[in-house]
Amino acid sequence: MKPLVHDASARQRSGEPSCRLGANDGRKDRPGNRDLAELDCEIAGLVDRSTQELRRDWRTLHHTGPPLGLSRDLIIRGLADKLQQRAHGGPSRALKRRLRIFTTDFEKGGARSFDPGGALKTGATLVRQWRGRTHTVLVCEDGLEYEGQRYRSLTVIAERITGAHWSGPRFFGVSKRARAS
């Protein structure tokens, strides 16, 4: 897909700059080389393209044709996502690896849900608003610190904050397996 070229002399009736696809100008699709307005304009322009043009653009960006039966709307969304990834960078290798693992686990076990888990790292800070007050917990090597005191579990801290029994990991929005080591 070719980057947009802004022509300052050509204006649409609404007064906005005209966006059209032009030559590549030798630019690489890397962050910093594209103006956000250009990217937004290019993505907005996808809607005005014919389905045949969208399929051709898909082949250019993905080096393969769009999956059979993919609706026009999903082709546009897929193209927009790819353009954004080229401009801003895609998901990290670590995220891709985790998603592959989750996909494999899901396909093997047929689980309807999964717990992404992960351990809390030393130095992490957990913040929770409760009844108009902000509560902060620091993850330390030997436990958790809340209001200057050390604790062995998030549940004890959640109970202290709420006055009722709560799952600490759930209260602070972390998985049950994400505990300080």
Protein backbone atom coordinates (compact mmCIF):
# COMPACT_ATOMS: atom_id res chain seq x y z
CA MET A 1 0.00 0.00 0.00
CA LYS A 2 1.35 3.37 -0.92
CA PRO A 3 1.63 6.22 1.60
CA LEU A 4 -0.56 9.26 1.19
CA VAL A 5 0.58 12.43 -0.45
CA HIS A 6 -0.96 15.68 0.76
CA ASP A 7 -1.57 18.21 -1.97
CA ALA A 8 -2.03 21.60 -0.32
CA SER A 9 -3.47 23.13 -3.48
CA ALA A 10 -6.25 20.57 -3.77
CA ARG A 11 -8.97 20.96 -1.16
CA GLN A 12 -12.17 19.11 -0.66
CA ARG A 13 -15.38 21.09 -0.38
CA SER A 14 -15.30 20.72 3.39
CA GLY A 15 -11.96 22.55 3.48
CA GLU A 16 -10.00 19.53 4.63
CA PRO A 17 -6.83 18.43 2.85
CA SER A 18 -7.30 15.92 0.08
CA CYS A 19 -5.78 12.50 0.74
CA ARG A 20 -4.70 10.34 -2.13
CA LEU A 21 -2.43 7.38 -2.50
CA GLY A 22 0.83 8.31 -4.18
CA ALA A 23 4.29 6.96 -4.85
CA ASN A 24 6.32 5.47 -2.03
CA ASP A 25 8.87 8.32 -2.21
CA GLY A 26 11.54 5.85 -1.07
CA ARG A 27 10.39 6.06 2.54
CA LYS A 28 10.35 3.07 4.82
CA ASP A 29 7.24 2.47 6.92
CA ARG A 30 8.90 3.03 10.28
CA PRO A 31 7.80 4.97 13.35
CA GLY A 32 8.71 8.63 13.05
CA ASN A 33 8.56 8.67 9.24
CA ARG A 34 4.82 9.04 9.12
CA ASP A 35 2.78 11.90 10.32
CA LEU A 36 -0.20 10.82 12.42
CA ALA A 37 -2.53 12.94 10.30
CA GLU A 38 -1.30 11.08 7.19
CA LEU A 39 -1.93 7.74 8.86
CA ASP A 40 -5.40 8.77 10.02
CA CYS A 41 -6.21 10.05 6.56
CA GLU A 42 -4.96 6.87 4.91
CA ILE A 43 -7.02 4.69 7.26
CA ALA A 44 -10.11 6.85 6.74
CA GLY A 45 -9.60 6.54 2.99
CA LEU A 46 -9.86 2.75 3.13
CA VAL A 47 -13.65 3.01 3.39
CA ASP A 48 -13.84 4.76 0.00
CA ARG A 49 -11.85 2.07 -1.79
CA SER A 50 -13.47 -0.74 -3.76
CA THR A 51 -13.40 -4.27 -2.35
CA GLN A 52 -11.07 -5.28 -5.17
CA GLU A 53 -8.65 -2.47 -4.25
CA LEU A 54 -8.84 -3.48 -0.58
CA ARG A 55 -7.99 -7.09 -1.48
CA ARG A 56 -5.04 -5.87 -3.57
CA ASP A 57 -3.86 -3.69 -0.66
CA TRP A 58 -4.18 -6.71 1.67
CA ARG A 59 -1.95 -8.77 -0.63
CA THR A 60 0.60 -5.94 -0.68
CA LEU A 61 0.71 -5.56 3.11
CA HIS A 62 0.32 -9.20 4.18
CA HIS A 63 2.07 -10.88 1.23
CA THR A 64 -0.97 -13.16 0.85
CA GLY A 65 -4.61 -12.76 -0.04
CA PRO A 66 -7.24 -12.09 2.61
CA PRO A 67 -8.85 -15.22 4.10
CA LEU A 68 -11.83 -16.55 2.17
CA GLY A 69 -15.14 -15.24 3.43
CA LEU A 70 -13.59 -12.26 5.22
CA SER A 71 -16.09 -9.41 5.08
CA ARG A 72 -15.22 -6.03 3.62
CA ASP A 73 -15.43 -4.49 7.09
CA LEU A 74 -12.92 -6.98 8.50
CA ILE A 75 -10.58 -6.45 5.55
CA ILE A 76 -10.64 -2.71 6.28
CA ARG A 77 -9.98 -3.35 9.97
CA GLY A 78 -7.12 -5.74 9.14
CA LEU A 79 -5.55 -3.19 6.80
CA ALA A 80 -5.92 -0.41 9.37
CA ASP A 81 -4.27 -2.58 12.02
CA LYS A 82 -1.36 -3.44 9.74
CA LEU A 83 -0.87 0.24 8.81
CA GLN A 84 -0.85 1.19 12.50
CA GLN A 85 1.64 -1.58 13.30
CA ARG A 86 3.96 -0.36 10.56
CA ALA A 87 3.74 3.21 11.82
CA HIS A 88 3.90 2.56 15.56
CA GLY A 89 5.35 -0.94 15.87
CA GLY A 90 3.46 -4.13 16.50
CA PRO A 91 3.16 -6.33 19.54
CA SER A 92 6.39 -7.25 21.32
CA ARG A 93 7.98 -10.68 20.92
CA ALA A 94 7.10 -11.45 24.53
CA LEU A 95 3.42 -10.70 23.92
CA LYS A 96 3.39 -12.78 20.74
CA ARG A 97 4.98 -15.68 22.65
CA ARG A 98 2.41 -15.45 25.46
CA LEU A 99 -0.45 -15.36 22.97
CA ARG A 100 0.99 -18.45 21.21
CA ILE A 101 1.16 -20.26 24.55
CA PHE A 102 -2.41 -19.29 25.45
CA THR A 103 -3.65 -20.36 22.03
CA THR A 104 -1.92 -23.72 22.35
CA ASP A 105 -3.28 -24.26 25.87
CA PHE A 106 -6.76 -23.31 24.74
CA GLU A 107 -6.65 -25.61 21.71
CA LYS A 108 -5.26 -28.56 23.71
CA GLY A 109 -7.52 -28.30 26.73
CA GLY A 110 -10.58 -26.74 25.16
CA ALA A 111 -10.75 -24.46 28.18
CA ARG A 112 -13.37 -21.73 28.01
CA SER A 113 -11.16 -19.36 29.93
CA PHE A 114 -7.60 -19.18 31.12
CA ASP A 115 -5.61 -17.33 33.71
CA PRO A 116 -2.65 -15.46 32.20
CA GLY A 117 -0.96 -15.41 35.59
CA GLY A 118 2.58 -14.29 36.13
CA ALA A 119 4.45 -13.52 39.31
CA LEU A 120 4.61 -10.05 40.77
CA LYS A 121 8.11 -8.71 40.41
CA THR A 122 10.04 -7.11 43.22
CA GLY A 123 9.60 -3.35 43.03
CA ALA A 124 6.14 -3.50 41.44
CA THR A 125 3.53 -1.18 42.91
CA LEU A 126 -0.15 -2.12 43.17
CA VAL A 127 -2.59 0.75 43.42
CA ARG A 128 -6.30 0.45 44.28
CA GLN A 129 -8.94 3.09 44.89
CA TRP A 130 -11.36 2.11 47.64
CA ARG A 131 -14.09 4.39 48.96
CA GLY A 132 -12.38 7.58 47.88
CA ARG A 133 -8.94 6.63 49.15
CA THR A 134 -5.91 5.41 47.20
CA HIS A 135 -4.15 2.36 48.62
CA THR A 136 -0.63 1.48 47.47
CA VAL A 137 1.18 -1.81 48.01
CA LEU A 138 4.87 -2.29 47.22
CA VAL A 139 6.09 -5.76 46.23
CA CYS A 140 9.30 -6.55 48.14
CA GLU A 141 11.65 -9.55 48.04
CA ASP A 142 10.34 -10.82 51.36
CA GLY A 143 6.65 -9.99 50.98
CA LEU A 144 4.46 -6.94 50.56
CA GLU A 145 4.58 -3.51 52.15
CA TYR A 146 1.46 -1.51 52.91
CA GLU A 147 1.46 1.65 55.05
CA GLY A 148 4.93 0.90 56.36
CA GLN A 149 4.10 -2.66 57.52
CA ARG A 150 5.14 -5.98 55.94
CA TYR A 151 2.56 -8.59 54.91
CA ARG A 152 2.83 -12.08 53.46
CA SER A 153 -0.37 -11.95 51.37
CA LEU A 154 -2.51 -9.54 49.41
CA THR A 155 -5.61 -11.05 51.01
CA VAL A 156 -4.60 -9.82 54.45
CA ILE A 157 -4.06 -6.33 53.04
CA ALA A 158 -7.42 -6.40 51.20
CA GLU A 159 -9.17 -7.46 54.42
CA ARG A 160 -7.47 -4.65 56.31
CA ILE A 161 -8.59 -2.11 53.71
CA THR A 162 -12.18 -3.30 53.31
CA GLY A 163 -12.92 -4.76 56.72
CA ALA A 164 -14.30 -7.87 55.01
CA HIS A 165 -12.87 -11.04 53.51
CA TRP A 166 -11.69 -10.41 49.96
CA SER A 167 -9.43 -12.29 47.60
CA GLY A 168 -6.35 -10.07 47.65
CA PRO A 169 -5.31 -10.80 44.06
CA ARG A 170 -8.85 -10.14 42.86
CA PHE A 171 -9.12 -6.95 44.94
CA PHE A 172 -5.90 -5.59 43.41
CA GLY A 173 -6.67 -6.90 39.93
CA VAL A 174 -3.91 -9.49 39.64
CA SER A 175 -4.21 -13.19 39.01
CA LYS A 176 -4.33 -15.68 41.87
CA ARG A 177 -0.92 -17.00 40.83
CA ALA A 178 0.62 -13.51 40.80
CA ARG A 179 2.02 -13.42 44.30
CA ALA A 180 5.24 -12.12 45.70
CA SER A 181 7.92 -14.77 45.86
